[in-house]
Amino acid sequence: MILGLAVALAACGSGVKTQVTTFQTLGKAPAGKSFMIAPALPEVEGLEYNTYAGLIASHLMQYGLRPVAEVDDADYVVFFAYTIDGGRKVVTSRPIYSEKTPRTETTKTSYVGGKAFTTTTTTQPTYEITGFYPVEHTYYGRTVVVRMVDSSQVYQQGWQGTVYEARAKSHGTSSNLAQVMPSIIKAIFIHWPAPNGSTRTHETELVQ
């Protein structure tokens, strides 16, 4: 008996693994400071962008920052950008398992005081690898960049006044950016703002 065991499914967890590299001069979370989120390019603003902006704002508020609607009222202006590539195909191999020894049952009858007692012993089957089969997946690269700029220097060129920058990279089989963005953004804000120059990897649950 040959089993097409669902080892491929076991290898596909429900988490999103994200590598986050951070540079910052904040030191620690600037609780009590105000912020506003603005699109890096006006043409990218829309429902999708605003959804992700809301997620970022929510995480900043958890660290004690206050959202405001105008640049003049903000201590910091937060910009972010995101992208997903066209994917690359990767072929891996999965094992094929065959039954080595079958399942057996042994029944034994004994008599005590003239009464019969029956016991059954079951031995579970064992399996061995008898071959491999190819499995093709398409892996997509997702990148999110978040920058926080001192509002007094927000109009300077070359990102002068940047006090925080994070670059998050994630690879997976989902081409649906909207499905994985909440998990990637969550990874950025784990132990925020994180040490300057640090690179860390987080696996966060896939938000349904």
Protein backbone atom coordinates (compact mmCIF):
# COMPACT_ATOMS: atom_id res chain seq x y z
CA MET A 1 0.00 0.00 0.00
CA ILE A 2 1.50 3.34 -1.09
CA LEU A 3 0.50 6.46 0.75
CA GLY A 4 0.50 9.95 -0.74
CA LEU A 5 0.88 11.34 2.73
CA ALA A 6 0.02 14.98 3.21
CA VAL A 7 3.55 15.94 4.17
CA ALA A 8 3.33 18.86 1.77
CA LEU A 9 0.46 20.23 3.79
CA ALA A 10 2.40 19.78 7.00
CA ALA A 11 5.22 21.86 5.55
CA CYS A 12 2.87 24.71 4.69
CA GLY A 13 2.20 26.36 8.02
CA SER A 14 -0.36 29.06 8.64
CA GLY A 15 2.25 31.64 9.73
CA VAL A 16 3.92 34.42 7.73
CA LYS A 17 7.70 34.65 8.20
CA THR A 18 9.05 38.20 7.89
CA GLN A 19 12.58 39.58 8.15
CA VAL A 20 12.64 43.12 9.52
CA THR A 21 15.69 45.43 9.37
CA THR A 22 15.45 48.61 11.46
CA PHE A 23 17.38 51.85 11.73
CA GLN A 24 16.24 54.45 14.23
CA THR A 25 17.30 57.31 16.48
CA LEU A 26 14.20 57.23 18.69
CA GLY A 27 15.80 55.07 21.34
CA LYS A 28 12.46 53.94 22.73
CA ALA A 29 8.84 54.32 21.74
CA PRO A 30 7.98 58.05 21.91
CA ALA A 31 4.78 57.63 23.88
CA GLY A 32 2.68 60.79 24.00
CA LYS A 33 4.01 62.14 20.70
CA SER A 34 1.65 62.76 17.79
CA PHE A 35 1.80 61.41 14.25
CA MET A 36 0.00 61.48 10.96
CA ILE A 37 0.29 59.06 8.05
CA ALA A 38 0.81 60.47 4.58
CA PRO A 39 1.28 58.71 1.22
CA ALA A 40 4.79 58.91 -0.20
CA LEU A 41 3.15 59.45 -3.61
CA PRO A 42 -0.32 61.03 -3.88
CA GLU A 43 -1.41 58.63 -6.63
CA VAL A 44 -1.08 55.55 -4.38
CA GLU A 45 -3.72 56.73 -1.92
CA GLY A 46 -6.89 54.67 -2.09
CA LEU A 47 -8.94 52.11 -0.20
CA GLU A 48 -6.15 49.52 -0.11
CA TYR A 49 -3.57 52.06 1.02
CA ASN A 50 -5.91 53.47 3.66
CA THR A 51 -6.55 49.97 5.01
CA TYR A 52 -2.84 49.39 5.57
CA ALA A 53 -2.44 52.91 6.96
CA GLY A 54 -5.09 52.07 9.53
CA LEU A 55 -3.16 48.98 10.60
CA ILE A 56 0.05 50.98 11.05
CA ALA A 57 -1.78 53.67 12.99
CA SER A 58 -3.31 51.06 15.26
CA HIS A 59 0.12 49.63 16.14
CA LEU A 60 1.58 53.08 16.81
CA MET A 61 -1.34 53.89 19.10
CA GLN A 62 -0.62 50.71 21.07
CA TYR A 63 2.77 52.23 21.86
CA GLY A 64 1.19 55.43 23.15
CA LEU A 65 1.40 57.69 20.10
CA ARG A 66 -1.51 59.93 19.14
CA PRO A 67 -2.91 60.23 15.58
CA VAL A 68 -3.64 63.69 14.22
CA ALA A 69 -5.04 64.85 10.90
CA GLU A 70 -2.67 67.75 10.03
CA VAL A 71 1.08 67.96 9.58
CA ASP A 72 1.25 71.13 11.68
CA ASP A 73 -0.20 69.21 14.64
CA ALA A 74 2.10 66.19 14.27
CA ASP A 75 5.46 65.52 15.84
CA TYR A 76 6.14 62.88 13.20
CA VAL A 77 4.92 62.09 9.71
CA VAL A 78 4.82 58.41 8.78
CA PHE A 79 5.29 57.27 5.18
CA PHE A 80 5.09 53.72 3.93
CA ALA A 81 5.32 51.82 0.67
CA TYR A 82 4.72 48.21 -0.29
CA THR A 83 5.28 45.93 -3.26
CA ILE A 84 5.02 42.30 -4.36
CA ASP A 85 7.04 40.70 -7.15
CA GLY A 86 5.88 38.41 -9.96
CA GLY A 87 6.98 35.25 -8.15
CA ARG A 88 9.55 32.57 -8.87
CA LYS A 89 8.98 28.85 -9.31
CA VAL A 90 10.67 26.42 -6.94
CA VAL A 91 10.60 22.65 -7.35
CA THR A 92 11.04 20.48 -4.27
CA SER A 93 10.69 16.75 -3.67
CA ARG A 94 8.34 14.97 -1.29
CA PRO A 95 8.76 11.40 -0.06
CA ILE A 96 6.49 8.51 -1.03
CA TYR A 97 5.81 6.12 1.84
CA SER A 98 5.00 2.45 1.43
CA GLU A 99 3.79 0.05 4.06
CA LYS A 100 6.70 -2.04 5.31
CA THR A 101 4.89 -4.24 7.80
CA PRO A 102 1.08 -4.55 7.93
CA ARG A 103 -1.22 -3.93 10.84
CA THR A 104 -1.80 -7.16 12.78
CA GLU A 105 -4.13 -8.30 15.52
CA THR A 106 -3.46 -11.22 17.84
CA THR A 107 -6.32 -12.63 19.89
CA LYS A 108 -5.67 -14.75 22.96
CA THR A 109 -8.28 -16.59 25.02
CA SER A 110 -7.60 -17.64 28.60
CA TYR A 111 -9.77 -19.30 31.22
CA VAL A 112 -10.09 -18.28 34.83
CA GLY A 113 -12.47 -20.17 37.09
CA GLY A 114 -14.12 -21.73 34.09
CA LYS A 115 -14.80 -18.37 32.47
CA ALA A 116 -13.25 -17.39 29.14
CA PHE A 117 -11.42 -14.06 28.80
CA THR A 118 -10.33 -12.77 25.42
CA THR A 119 -7.62 -10.14 24.85
CA THR A 120 -6.59 -8.65 21.53
CA THR A 121 -3.16 -7.15 20.87
CA THR A 122 -2.82 -4.79 17.91
CA THR A 123 0.46 -4.00 16.20
CA GLN A 124 0.41 -0.84 14.12
CA PRO A 125 1.88 -0.89 10.59
CA THR A 126 5.30 0.57 9.84
CA TYR A 127 6.29 2.55 6.75
CA GLU A 128 9.39 3.22 4.72
CA ILE A 129 10.36 5.74 2.03
CA THR A 130 10.28 4.10 -1.39
CA GLY A 131 10.66 7.12 -3.64
CA PHE A 132 10.09 10.82 -4.19
CA TYR A 133 7.78 12.96 -6.31
CA PRO A 134 8.29 16.57 -7.47
CA VAL A 135 6.21 19.42 -6.10
CA GLU A 136 6.25 22.86 -7.75
CA HIS A 137 5.48 26.03 -5.83
CA THR A 138 5.55 29.69 -6.81
CA TYR A 139 7.08 31.91 -4.12
CA TYR A 140 6.33 35.63 -4.05
CA GLY A 141 8.50 38.33 -2.50
CA ARG A 142 6.70 41.01 -0.49
CA THR A 143 8.41 44.18 0.77
CA VAL A 144 7.09 46.87 3.10
CA VAL A 145 9.02 50.03 4.02
CA VAL A 146 7.93 52.31 6.87
CA ARG A 147 9.60 55.68 7.53
CA MET A 148 8.94 58.13 10.33
CA VAL A 149 10.13 61.70 9.76
CA ASP A 150 10.41 64.66 12.12
CA SER A 151 7.54 66.89 10.99
CA SER A 152 9.72 70.01 11.17
CA GLN A 153 11.86 68.57 8.35
CA VAL A 154 9.20 66.74 6.37
CA TYR A 155 9.55 69.02 3.36
CA GLN A 156 13.32 68.57 3.09
CA GLN A 157 14.66 66.47 0.22
CA GLY A 158 16.44 63.13 0.65
CA TRP A 159 14.45 61.95 3.67
CA GLN A 160 16.24 64.34 5.99
CA GLY A 161 14.80 64.24 9.46
CA THR A 162 14.11 60.50 9.32
CA VAL A 163 14.06 59.12 12.87
CA TYR A 164 12.85 55.62 12.07
CA GLU A 165 13.04 53.32 9.07
CA ALA A 166 12.06 49.66 8.80
CA ARG A 167 12.29 47.39 5.79
CA ALA A 168 10.28 44.16 6.03
CA LYS A 169 10.76 41.32 3.56
CA SER A 170 8.60 38.23 3.34
CA HIS A 171 8.43 35.31 0.92
CA GLY A 172 5.58 32.85 0.55
CA THR A 173 3.21 31.07 -1.78
CA SER A 174 0.40 33.61 -1.43
CA SER A 175 0.19 36.21 -4.20
CA ASN A 176 -2.62 37.94 -2.33
CA LEU A 177 -0.89 40.92 -0.75
CA ALA A 178 -3.99 41.96 1.16
CA GLN A 179 -4.03 38.56 2.86
CA VAL A 180 -0.48 38.77 4.24
CA MET A 181 -0.05 42.52 4.85
CA PRO A 182 -1.59 42.50 8.35
CA SER A 183 0.92 39.83 9.41
CA ILE A 184 3.89 41.65 7.84
CA ILE A 185 2.91 44.94 9.46
CA LYS A 186 2.46 43.19 12.79
CA ALA A 187 6.01 41.80 12.51
CA ILE A 188 7.39 45.33 12.02
CA PHE A 189 5.91 46.47 15.31
CA ILE A 190 7.05 43.57 17.51
CA HIS A 191 9.24 45.12 20.25
CA TRP A 192 9.02 48.44 18.40
CA PRO A 193 11.09 50.43 17.59
CA ALA A 194 13.72 47.66 18.00
CA PRO A 195 17.48 48.32 18.33
CA ASN A 196 19.16 50.48 15.71
CA GLY A 197 20.76 48.41 12.94
CA SER A 198 19.03 45.21 14.00
CA THR A 199 17.68 42.50 11.71
CA ARG A 200 15.27 40.02 13.17
CA THR A 201 12.88 37.40 11.85
CA HIS A 202 9.34 36.96 13.15
CA GLU A 203 6.74 34.39 12.24
CA THR A 204 3.28 35.80 12.83
CA GLU A 205 -0.05 34.10 12.41
CA LEU A 206 -1.96 34.64 9.20
CA VAL A 207 -4.69 37.10 10.11
CA GLN A 208 -8.03 35.91 8.73
